[in-house]
Amino acid sequence: MRIEVKNGDLNRALKELKKRVYRERILIEYKEHMAYEKPSEKRRRKKAEAILRRKKEERQNENPWGD
């Protein structure tokens, strides 16, 4: 992953880095590998992620004009 610093603006570059790390789930995967997760906790987390994904898809498919 490469982030370019334009015009010496480190704050902007740091913000972009954080966005990319979040989008690519790098930290989440790192944390998952750091500690053991019980199967029941894993199921609960997966279920919660699926619900959030479904809600996001519903929002995206919503007609903004209510037709």
N, C-alpha and C. Protein backbone atom coordinates (compact mmCIF):
# COMPACT_ATOMS: atom_id res chain seq x y z
N MET A 1 0.86 -1.16 0.00
CA MET A 1 0.00 0.00 0.00
C MET A 1 0.91 1.23 0.00
N ARG A 2 0.56 2.19 -0.84
CA ARG A 2 1.40 3.37 -0.97
C ARG A 2 0.52 4.62 -0.90
N ILE A 3 0.92 5.56 -0.06
CA ILE A 3 0.21 6.82 0.09
C ILE A 3 1.17 7.94 -0.28
N GLU A 4 0.76 8.79 -1.19
CA GLU A 4 1.61 9.91 -1.60
C GLU A 4 1.29 11.14 -0.75
N VAL A 5 2.34 11.83 -0.32
CA VAL A 5 2.18 13.07 0.42
C VAL A 5 2.28 14.20 -0.58
N LYS A 6 1.19 14.93 -0.74
CA LYS A 6 1.17 16.03 -1.71
C LYS A 6 1.29 17.36 -0.98
N ASN A 7 2.16 18.21 -1.47
CA ASN A 7 2.37 19.55 -0.91
C ASN A 7 2.75 19.51 0.57
N GLY A 8 3.40 18.45 1.01
CA GLY A 8 3.85 18.36 2.39
C GLY A 8 2.72 18.25 3.40
N ASP A 9 1.52 17.85 2.96
CA ASP A 9 0.36 17.77 3.85
C ASP A 9 0.28 16.37 4.47
N LEU A 10 0.97 16.19 5.60
CA LEU A 10 1.01 14.89 6.27
C LEU A 10 -0.33 14.51 6.88
N ASN A 11 -1.09 15.49 7.34
CA ASN A 11 -2.39 15.19 7.94
C ASN A 11 -3.32 14.56 6.91
N ARG A 12 -3.33 15.08 5.71
CA ARG A 12 -4.16 14.54 4.64
C ARG A 12 -3.72 13.12 4.27
N ALA A 13 -2.41 12.91 4.22
CA ALA A 13 -1.87 11.59 3.89
C ALA A 13 -2.22 10.58 4.99
N LEU A 14 -2.13 10.99 6.24
CA LEU A 14 -2.47 10.12 7.36
C LEU A 14 -3.95 9.75 7.32
N LYS A 15 -4.79 10.72 7.01
CA LYS A 15 -6.23 10.48 6.91
C LYS A 15 -6.52 9.46 5.81
N GLU A 16 -5.87 9.59 4.68
CA GLU A 16 -6.04 8.67 3.56
C GLU A 16 -5.57 7.27 3.95
N LEU A 17 -4.45 7.18 4.67
CA LEU A 17 -3.93 5.89 5.12
C LEU A 17 -4.94 5.20 6.04
N LYS A 18 -5.48 5.95 6.99
CA LYS A 18 -6.46 5.39 7.91
C LYS A 18 -7.69 4.88 7.16
N LYS A 19 -8.15 5.63 6.16
CA LYS A 19 -9.30 5.21 5.36
C LYS A 19 -9.03 3.89 4.66
N ARG A 20 -7.87 3.80 4.03
CA ARG A 20 -7.53 2.58 3.29
C ARG A 20 -7.39 1.38 4.20
N VAL A 21 -6.75 1.58 5.35
CA VAL A 21 -6.59 0.48 6.32
C VAL A 21 -7.96 0.01 6.79
N TYR A 22 -8.87 0.95 7.05
CA TYR A 22 -10.21 0.60 7.50
C TYR A 22 -10.97 -0.15 6.40
N ARG A 23 -10.93 0.36 5.18
CA ARG A 23 -11.65 -0.27 4.07
C ARG A 23 -11.16 -1.67 3.77
N GLU A 24 -9.87 -1.88 3.90
CA GLU A 24 -9.30 -3.18 3.57
C GLU A 24 -9.29 -4.13 4.77
N ARG A 25 -9.85 -3.69 5.89
CA ARG A 25 -10.00 -4.52 7.09
C ARG A 25 -8.68 -5.06 7.62
N ILE A 26 -7.60 -4.34 7.42
CA ILE A 26 -6.29 -4.81 7.86
C ILE A 26 -6.22 -4.94 9.37
N LEU A 27 -6.63 -3.91 10.09
CA LEU A 27 -6.56 -3.94 11.55
C LEU A 27 -7.51 -4.97 12.14
N ILE A 28 -8.69 -5.10 11.56
CA ILE A 28 -9.66 -6.07 12.06
C ILE A 28 -9.11 -7.48 11.95
N GLU A 29 -8.53 -7.80 10.80
CA GLU A 29 -7.95 -9.13 10.62
C GLU A 29 -6.77 -9.34 11.56
N TYR A 30 -5.98 -8.31 11.77
CA TYR A 30 -4.84 -8.41 12.68
C TYR A 30 -5.32 -8.74 14.09
N LYS A 31 -6.34 -8.04 14.54
CA LYS A 31 -6.87 -8.27 15.89
C LYS A 31 -7.48 -9.66 16.01
N GLU A 32 -8.12 -10.14 14.94
CA GLU A 32 -8.71 -11.46 14.96
C GLU A 32 -7.64 -12.54 15.16
N HIS A 33 -6.47 -12.33 14.61
CA HIS A 33 -5.40 -13.32 14.71
C HIS A 33 -4.61 -13.20 16.02
N MET A 34 -4.77 -12.11 16.72
CA MET A 34 -4.00 -11.89 17.94
C MET A 34 -4.51 -12.71 19.12
N ALA A 35 -5.79 -12.99 19.18
CA ALA A 35 -6.35 -13.70 20.32
C ALA A 35 -7.36 -14.73 19.85
N TYR A 36 -7.54 -15.76 20.66
CA TYR A 36 -8.50 -16.81 20.33
C TYR A 36 -9.90 -16.26 20.49
N GLU A 37 -10.75 -16.60 19.55
CA GLU A 37 -12.15 -16.20 19.60
C GLU A 37 -13.00 -17.45 19.73
N LYS A 38 -13.79 -17.50 20.77
CA LYS A 38 -14.63 -18.67 20.99
C LYS A 38 -15.62 -18.81 19.82
N PRO A 39 -15.98 -20.05 19.48
CA PRO A 39 -16.92 -20.25 18.38
C PRO A 39 -18.24 -19.49 18.56
N SER A 40 -18.74 -19.42 19.79
CA SER A 40 -20.00 -18.70 20.02
C SER A 40 -19.82 -17.20 19.75
N GLU A 41 -18.67 -16.65 20.13
CA GLU A 41 -18.39 -15.23 19.86
C GLU A 41 -18.24 -14.99 18.37
N LYS A 42 -17.62 -15.92 17.67
CA LYS A 42 -17.43 -15.79 16.23
C LYS A 42 -18.78 -15.79 15.53
N ARG A 43 -19.69 -16.70 15.94
CA ARG A 43 -21.03 -16.74 15.33
C ARG A 43 -21.77 -15.43 15.58
N ARG A 44 -21.69 -14.93 16.82
CA ARG A 44 -22.37 -13.68 17.17
C ARG A 44 -21.84 -12.52 16.33
N ARG A 45 -20.50 -12.46 16.16
CA ARG A 45 -19.89 -11.39 15.38
C ARG A 45 -20.29 -11.49 13.92
N LYS A 46 -20.25 -12.71 13.35
CA LYS A 46 -20.61 -12.90 11.95
C LYS A 46 -22.07 -12.51 11.71
N LYS A 47 -22.95 -12.87 12.65
CA LYS A 47 -24.37 -12.54 12.52
C LYS A 47 -24.57 -11.02 12.55
N ALA A 48 -23.85 -10.34 13.45
CA ALA A 48 -23.96 -8.88 13.54
C ALA A 48 -23.45 -8.22 12.26
N GLU A 49 -22.34 -8.74 11.71
CA GLU A 49 -21.81 -8.19 10.46
C GLU A 49 -22.80 -8.38 9.32
N ALA A 50 -23.46 -9.54 9.27
CA ALA A 50 -24.43 -9.81 8.20
C ALA A 50 -25.61 -8.85 8.30
N ILE A 51 -26.06 -8.57 9.53
CA ILE A 51 -27.18 -7.64 9.72
C ILE A 51 -26.79 -6.26 9.24
N LEU A 52 -25.57 -5.81 9.59
CA LEU A 52 -25.12 -4.48 9.15
C LEU A 52 -25.01 -4.42 7.63
N ARG A 53 -24.51 -5.50 7.01
CA ARG A 53 -24.41 -5.54 5.55
C ARG A 53 -25.78 -5.44 4.90
N ARG A 54 -26.75 -6.20 5.46
CA ARG A 54 -28.12 -6.18 4.92
C ARG A 54 -28.73 -4.79 5.03
N LYS A 55 -28.55 -4.14 6.19
CA LYS A 55 -29.09 -2.80 6.37
C LYS A 55 -28.47 -1.82 5.38
N LYS A 56 -27.17 -1.95 5.15
CA LYS A 56 -26.48 -1.07 4.21
C LYS A 56 -27.02 -1.28 2.80
N GLU A 57 -27.22 -2.54 2.41
CA GLU A 57 -27.77 -2.82 1.08
C GLU A 57 -29.17 -2.26 0.93
N GLU A 58 -29.99 -2.38 1.99
CA GLU A 58 -31.34 -1.83 1.94
C GLU A 58 -31.32 -0.31 1.76
N ARG A 59 -30.40 0.36 2.47
CA ARG A 59 -30.29 1.82 2.34
C ARG A 59 -29.88 2.21 0.93
N GLN A 60 -28.97 1.43 0.32
CA GLN A 60 -28.51 1.75 -1.01
C GLN A 60 -29.59 1.50 -2.07
N ASN A 61 -30.45 0.51 -1.82
CA ASN A 61 -31.50 0.18 -2.77
C ASN A 61 -32.75 1.01 -2.58
N GLU A 62 -32.79 1.79 -1.50
CA GLU A 62 -33.95 2.64 -1.21
C GLU A 62 -34.10 3.73 -2.27
N ASN A 63 -35.34 4.01 -2.62
CA ASN A 63 -35.62 5.09 -3.57
C ASN A 63 -35.70 6.40 -2.77
N PRO A 64 -34.84 7.37 -3.01
CA PRO A 64 -34.82 8.60 -2.22
C PRO A 64 -36.07 9.45 -2.38
N TRP A 65 -36.85 9.25 -3.44
CA TRP A 65 -38.03 10.06 -3.68
C TRP A 65 -39.31 9.37 -3.20
N GLY A 66 -39.20 8.14 -2.70
CA GLY A 66 -40.34 7.45 -2.14
C GLY A 66 -41.35 6.97 -3.15
N ASP A 67 -40.96 6.80 -4.39
CA ASP A 67 -41.89 6.33 -5.42
C ASP A 67 -42.10 4.84 -5.32
